[in-house]
Amino acid sequence: MISIDFFAAQGALTGFSAHGHADTA
Protein backbone atom coordinates (compact mmCIF):
# COMPACT_ATOMS: atom_id res chain seq x y z
CA MET A 1 0.00 0.00 0.00
CA ILE A 2 1.08 3.57 -0.70
CA SER A 3 0.78 5.86 2.32
CA ILE A 4 0.74 9.61 1.96
CA ASP A 5 0.84 11.64 5.13
CA PHE A 6 0.20 15.38 4.87
CA PHE A 7 1.57 17.53 7.67
CA ALA A 8 -0.61 20.39 8.91
CA ALA A 9 -0.16 23.16 11.45
CA GLN A 10 -2.74 25.78 12.35
CA GLY A 11 -4.93 24.87 9.38
CA ALA A 12 -2.15 25.07 6.78
CA LEU A 13 -0.38 22.20 5.06
CA THR A 14 3.33 22.23 5.82
CA GLY A 15 4.49 19.24 3.76
CA PHE A 16 3.98 15.57 3.08
CA SER A 17 5.64 12.17 3.02
CA ALA A 18 4.85 9.34 0.63
CA HIS A 19 6.09 5.78 0.75
CA GLY A 20 5.18 2.28 -0.31
CA HIS A 21 4.05 0.31 -3.32
CA ALA A 22 0.50 -0.27 -4.53
CA ASP A 23 1.14 -3.95 -5.39
CA THR A 24 -1.37 -3.81 -8.24
CA ALA A 25 1.19 -4.50 -11.00
PDB file of all heavy atoms in Angstrom:
ATOM      1  N   MET A   1       0.836  -1.184   0.000  1.00  0.00           N
ATOM      2  CA  MET A   1       0.000   0.000   0.000  1.00  0.00           C
ATOM      3  C   MET A   1       0.880   1.246   0.000  1.00  0.00           C
ATOM      4  O   MET A   1       1.928   1.287   0.632  1.00  0.00           O
ATOM      5  CB  MET A   1      -0.897   0.008   1.235  1.00  0.00           C
ATOM      6  CG  MET A   1      -1.701   1.292   1.342  1.00  0.00           C
ATOM      7  SD  MET A   1      -2.963   1.300   2.606  1.00  0.00           S
ATOM      8  CE  MET A   1      -4.254   0.429   1.763  1.00  0.00           C
ATOM      9  N   ILE A   2       0.413   2.264  -0.703  1.00  0.00           N
ATOM     10  CA  ILE A   2       1.078   3.566  -0.698  1.00  0.00           C
ATOM     11  C   ILE A   2       0.440   4.392   0.407  1.00  0.00           C
ATOM     12  O   ILE A   2      -0.781   4.509   0.480  1.00  0.00           O
ATOM     13  CB  ILE A   2       0.892   4.297  -2.039  1.00  0.00           C
ATOM     14  CG1 ILE A   2       1.471   3.480  -3.188  1.00  0.00           C
ATOM     15  CG2 ILE A   2       1.528   5.681  -1.989  1.00  0.00           C
ATOM     16  CD1 ILE A   2       1.100   4.010  -4.553  1.00  0.00           C
ATOM     17  N   SER A   3       1.266   4.977   1.259  1.00  0.00           N
ATOM     18  CA  SER A   3       0.780   5.856   2.320  1.00  0.00           C
ATOM     19  C   SER A   3       1.298   7.260   2.065  1.00  0.00           C
ATOM     20  O   SER A   3       2.493   7.444   1.864  1.00  0.00           O
ATOM     21  CB  SER A   3       1.271   5.378   3.683  1.00  0.00           C
ATOM     22  OG  SER A   3       0.669   4.147   4.003  1.00  0.00           O
ATOM     23  N   ILE A   4       0.374   8.203   2.082  1.00  0.00           N
ATOM     24  CA  ILE A   4       0.740   9.607   1.959  1.00  0.00           C
ATOM     25  C   ILE A   4       0.253  10.300   3.220  1.00  0.00           C
ATOM     26  O   ILE A   4      -0.924  10.225   3.564  1.00  0.00           O
ATOM     27  CB  ILE A   4       0.117  10.282   0.719  1.00  0.00           C
ATOM     28  CG1 ILE A   4       0.562   9.576  -0.564  1.00  0.00           C
ATOM     29  CG2 ILE A   4       0.533  11.746   0.647  1.00  0.00           C
ATOM     30  CD1 ILE A   4      -0.439   8.629  -1.091  1.00  0.00           C
ATOM     31  N   ASP A   5       1.168  10.939   3.907  1.00  0.00           N
ATOM     32  CA  ASP A   5       0.844  11.638   5.133  1.00  0.00           C
ATOM     33  C   ASP A   5       1.110  13.122   4.913  1.00  0.00           C
ATOM     34  O   ASP A   5       2.241  13.515   4.634  1.00  0.00           O
ATOM     35  CB  ASP A   5       1.703  11.103   6.284  1.00  0.00           C
ATOM     36  CG  ASP A   5       1.248  11.571   7.647  1.00  0.00           C
ATOM     37  OD1 ASP A   5       0.158  12.175   7.746  1.00  0.00           O
ATOM     38  OD2 ASP A   5       1.978  11.328   8.621  1.00  0.00           O
ATOM     39  N   PHE A   6       0.055  13.925   4.981  1.00  0.00           N
ATOM     40  CA  PHE A   6       0.198  15.376   4.873  1.00  0.00           C
ATOM     41  C   PHE A   6       0.389  15.938   6.268  1.00  0.00           C
ATOM     42  O   PHE A   6      -0.294  15.526   7.208  1.00  0.00           O
ATOM     43  CB  PHE A   6      -1.034  15.999   4.211  1.00  0.00           C
ATOM     44  CG  PHE A   6      -1.077  15.784   2.737  1.00  0.00           C
ATOM     45  CD1 PHE A   6      -1.723  14.680   2.210  1.00  0.00           C
ATOM     46  CD2 PHE A   6      -0.458  16.662   1.874  1.00  0.00           C
ATOM     47  CE1 PHE A   6      -1.751  14.452   0.844  1.00  0.00           C
ATOM     48  CE2 PHE A   6      -0.477  16.452   0.506  1.00  0.00           C
ATOM     49  CZ  PHE A   6      -1.126  15.345  -0.010  1.00  0.00           C
ATOM     50  N   PHE A   7       1.310  16.878   6.399  1.00  0.00           N
ATOM     51  CA  PHE A   7       1.572  17.534   7.672  1.00  0.00           C
ATOM     52  C   PHE A   7       0.819  18.862   7.677  1.00  0.00           C
ATOM     53  O   PHE A   7       0.849  19.591   6.686  1.00  0.00           O
ATOM     54  CB  PHE A   7       3.065  17.779   7.860  1.00  0.00           C
ATOM     55  CG  PHE A   7       3.912  16.572   7.579  1.00  0.00           C
ATOM     56  CD1 PHE A   7       4.943  16.624   6.660  1.00  0.00           C
ATOM     57  CD2 PHE A   7       3.671  15.362   8.218  1.00  0.00           C
ATOM     58  CE1 PHE A   7       5.728  15.519   6.380  1.00  0.00           C
ATOM     59  CE2 PHE A   7       4.446  14.244   7.945  1.00  0.00           C
ATOM     60  CZ  PHE A   7       5.474  14.323   7.035  1.00  0.00           C
ATOM     61  N   ALA A   8       0.156  19.155   8.797  1.00  0.00           N
ATOM     62  CA  ALA A   8      -0.606  20.393   8.909  1.00  0.00           C
ATOM     63  C   ALA A   8      -0.315  21.058  10.246  1.00  0.00           C
ATOM     64  O   ALA A   8      -0.067  20.381  11.241  1.00  0.00           O
ATOM     65  CB  ALA A   8      -2.098  20.107   8.787  1.00  0.00           C
ATOM     66  N   ALA A   9      -0.326  22.375  10.230  1.00  0.00           N
ATOM     67  CA  ALA A   9      -0.156  23.163  11.447  1.00  0.00           C
ATOM     68  C   ALA A   9      -1.036  24.400  11.329  1.00  0.00           C
ATOM     69  O   ALA A   9      -0.954  25.116  10.324  1.00  0.00           O
ATOM     70  CB  ALA A   9       1.304  23.561  11.645  1.00  0.00           C
ATOM     71  N   GLN A  10      -1.864  24.616  12.302  1.00  0.00           N
ATOM     72  CA  GLN A  10      -2.737  25.780  12.351  1.00  0.00           C
ATOM     73  C   GLN A  10      -3.557  25.942  11.069  1.00  0.00           C
ATOM     74  O   GLN A  10      -3.678  27.041  10.526  1.00  0.00           O
ATOM     75  CB  GLN A  10      -1.929  27.036  12.652  1.00  0.00           C
ATOM     76  CG  GLN A  10      -1.197  26.947  13.969  1.00  0.00           C
ATOM     77  CD  GLN A  10      -0.249  28.109  14.181  1.00  0.00           C
ATOM     78  OE1 GLN A  10      -0.060  28.960  13.329  1.00  0.00           O
ATOM     79  NE2 GLN A  10       0.367  28.141  15.353  1.00  0.00           N
ATOM     80  N   GLY A  11      -4.069  24.836  10.556  1.00  0.00           N
ATOM     81  CA  GLY A  11      -4.929  24.870   9.380  1.00  0.00           C
ATOM     82  C   GLY A  11      -4.229  24.937   8.041  1.00  0.00           C
ATOM     83  O   GLY A  11      -4.879  24.926   7.006  1.00  0.00           O
ATOM     84  N   ALA A  12      -2.906  24.995   8.036  1.00  0.00           N
ATOM     85  CA  ALA A  12      -2.149  25.069   6.777  1.00  0.00           C
ATOM     86  C   ALA A  12      -1.333  23.794   6.586  1.00  0.00           C
ATOM     87  O   ALA A  12      -0.802  23.236   7.546  1.00  0.00           O
ATOM     88  CB  ALA A  12      -1.214  26.270   6.790  1.00  0.00           C
ATOM     89  N   LEU A  13      -1.235  23.340   5.357  1.00  0.00           N
ATOM     90  CA  LEU A  13      -0.383  22.197   5.059  1.00  0.00           C
ATOM     91  C   LEU A  13       1.074  22.650   5.069  1.00  0.00           C
ATOM     92  O   LEU A  13       1.405  23.699   4.522  1.00  0.00           O
ATOM     93  CB  LEU A  13      -0.745  21.593   3.705  1.00  0.00           C
ATOM     94  CG  LEU A  13      -2.140  20.965   3.626  1.00  0.00           C
ATOM     95  CD1 LEU A  13      -2.432  20.490   2.205  1.00  0.00           C
ATOM     96  CD2 LEU A  13      -2.280  19.817   4.614  1.00  0.00           C
ATOM     97  N   THR A  14       1.916  21.860   5.706  1.00  0.00           N
ATOM     98  CA  THR A  14       3.332  22.227   5.823  1.00  0.00           C
ATOM     99  C   THR A  14       4.250  21.228   5.129  1.00  0.00           C
ATOM    100  O   THR A  14       5.459  21.372   5.175  1.00  0.00           O
ATOM    101  CB  THR A  14       3.741  22.329   7.303  1.00  0.00           C
ATOM    102  OG1 THR A  14       3.527  21.071   7.943  1.00  0.00           O
ATOM    103  CG2 THR A  14       2.940  23.412   8.011  1.00  0.00           C
ATOM    104  N   GLY A  15       3.680  20.214   4.481  1.00  0.00           N
ATOM    105  CA  GLY A  15       4.485  19.240   3.763  1.00  0.00           C
ATOM    106  C   GLY A  15       3.782  17.901   3.672  1.00  0.00           C
ATOM    107  O   GLY A  15       2.593  17.782   3.984  1.00  0.00           O
ATOM    108  N   PHE A  16       4.535  16.904   3.232  1.00  0.00           N
ATOM    109  CA  PHE A  16       3.977  15.566   3.079  1.00  0.00           C
ATOM    110  C   PHE A  16       5.098  14.536   3.031  1.00  0.00           C
ATOM    111  O   PHE A  16       6.260  14.859   2.783  1.00  0.00           O
ATOM    112  CB  PHE A  16       3.142  15.466   1.791  1.00  0.00           C
ATOM    113  CG  PHE A  16       3.932  15.642   0.527  1.00  0.00           C
ATOM    114  CD1 PHE A  16       4.495  14.559  -0.128  1.00  0.00           C
ATOM    115  CD2 PHE A  16       4.116  16.902  -0.016  1.00  0.00           C
ATOM    116  CE1 PHE A  16       5.235  14.730  -1.294  1.00  0.00           C
ATOM    117  CE2 PHE A  16       4.846  17.081  -1.175  1.00  0.00           C
ATOM    118  CZ  PHE A  16       5.404  15.992  -1.815  1.00  0.00           C
ATOM    119  N   SER A  17       4.732  13.290   3.267  1.00  0.00           N
ATOM    120  CA  SER A  17       5.637  12.170   3.018  1.00  0.00           C
ATOM    121  C   SER A  17       4.836  11.109   2.285  1.00  0.00           C
ATOM    122  O   SER A  17       3.630  10.961   2.511  1.00  0.00           O
ATOM    123  CB  SER A  17       6.241  11.611   4.312  1.00  0.00           C
ATOM    124  OG  SER A  17       5.268  10.944   5.069  1.00  0.00           O
ATOM    125  N   ALA A  18       5.486  10.422   1.395  1.00  0.00           N
ATOM    126  CA  ALA A  18       4.848   9.345   0.631  1.00  0.00           C
ATOM    127  C   ALA A  18       5.804   8.166   0.590  1.00  0.00           C
ATOM    128  O   ALA A  18       7.002   8.338   0.362  1.00  0.00           O
ATOM    129  CB  ALA A  18       4.528   9.828  -0.789  1.00  0.00           C
ATOM    130  N   HIS A  19       5.254   6.980   0.822  1.00  0.00           N
ATOM    131  CA  HIS A  19       6.087   5.780   0.751  1.00  0.00           C
ATOM    132  C   HIS A  19       5.228   4.563   0.458  1.00  0.00           C
ATOM    133  O   HIS A  19       4.019   4.573   0.677  1.00  0.00           O
ATOM    134  CB  HIS A  19       6.887   5.584   2.050  1.00  0.00           C
ATOM    135  CG  HIS A  19       6.037   5.394   3.260  1.00  0.00           C
ATOM    136  ND1 HIS A  19       5.546   4.181   3.643  1.00  0.00           N
ATOM    137  CD2 HIS A  19       5.570   6.291   4.154  1.00  0.00           C
ATOM    138  CE1 HIS A  19       4.829   4.327   4.744  1.00  0.00           C
ATOM    139  NE2 HIS A  19       4.825   5.613   5.065  1.00  0.00           N
ATOM    140  N   GLY A  20       5.857   3.551  -0.079  1.00  0.00           N
ATOM    141  CA  GLY A  20       5.179   2.283  -0.305  1.00  0.00           C
ATOM    142  C   GLY A  20       5.023   1.937  -1.768  1.00  0.00           C
ATOM    143  O   GLY A  20       5.521   2.617  -2.659  1.00  0.00           O
ATOM    144  N   HIS A  21       4.299   0.855  -1.996  1.00  0.00           N
ATOM    145  CA  HIS A  21       4.047   0.310  -3.325  1.00  0.00           C
ATOM    146  C   HIS A  21       2.606  -0.159  -3.354  1.00  0.00           C
ATOM    147  O   HIS A  21       2.121  -0.738  -2.380  1.00  0.00           O
ATOM    148  CB  HIS A  21       5.015  -0.849  -3.602  1.00  0.00           C
ATOM    149  CG  HIS A  21       4.986  -1.339  -5.004  1.00  0.00           C
ATOM    150  ND1 HIS A  21       3.940  -2.060  -5.511  1.00  0.00           N
ATOM    151  CD2 HIS A  21       5.870  -1.209  -6.020  1.00  0.00           C
ATOM    152  CE1 HIS A  21       4.195  -2.366  -6.779  1.00  0.00           C
ATOM    153  NE2 HIS A  21       5.355  -1.854  -7.109  1.00  0.00           N
ATOM    154  N   ALA A  22       1.915   0.074  -4.441  1.00  0.00           N
ATOM    155  CA  ALA A  22       0.499  -0.273  -4.530  1.00  0.00           C
ATOM    156  C   ALA A  22       0.263  -1.772  -4.700  1.00  0.00           C
ATOM    157  O   ALA A  22      -0.822  -2.265  -4.428  1.00  0.00           O
ATOM    158  CB  ALA A  22      -0.148   0.484  -5.684  1.00  0.00           C
ATOM    159  N   ASP A  23       1.256  -2.497  -5.183  1.00  0.00           N
ATOM    160  CA  ASP A  23       1.139  -3.947  -5.394  1.00  0.00           C
ATOM    161  C   ASP A  23      -0.014  -4.334  -6.312  1.00  0.00           C
ATOM    162  O   ASP A  23      -0.632  -5.375  -6.142  1.00  0.00           O
ATOM    163  CB  ASP A  23       1.009  -4.687  -4.052  1.00  0.00           C
ATOM    164  CG  ASP A  23       2.254  -4.553  -3.201  1.00  0.00           C
ATOM    165  OD1 ASP A  23       3.364  -4.554  -3.770  1.00  0.00           O
ATOM    166  OD2 ASP A  23       2.116  -4.439  -1.962  1.00  0.00           O
ATOM    167  N   THR A  24      -0.325  -3.481  -7.284  1.00  0.00           N
ATOM    168  CA  THR A  24      -1.375  -3.810  -8.241  1.00  0.00           C
ATOM    169  C   THR A  24      -0.810  -4.272  -9.581  1.00  0.00           C
ATOM    170  O   THR A  24      -1.537  -4.765 -10.417  1.00  0.00           O
ATOM    171  CB  THR A  24      -2.308  -2.607  -8.483  1.00  0.00           C
ATOM    172  OG1 THR A  24      -1.534  -1.508  -8.966  1.00  0.00           O
ATOM    173  CG2 THR A  24      -3.030  -2.212  -7.205  1.00  0.00           C
ATOM    174  N   ALA A  25       0.504  -4.105  -9.764  1.00  0.00           N
ATOM    175  CA  ALA A  25       1.192  -4.502 -10.996  1.00  0.00           C
ATOM    176  C   ALA A  25       2.681  -4.517 -10.674  1.00  0.00           C
ATOM    177  O   ALA A  25       3.083  -4.128  -9.577  1.00  0.00           O
ATOM    178  CB  ALA A  25       0.894  -3.505 -12.114  1.00  0.00           C
TER     179      ALA A  25
END
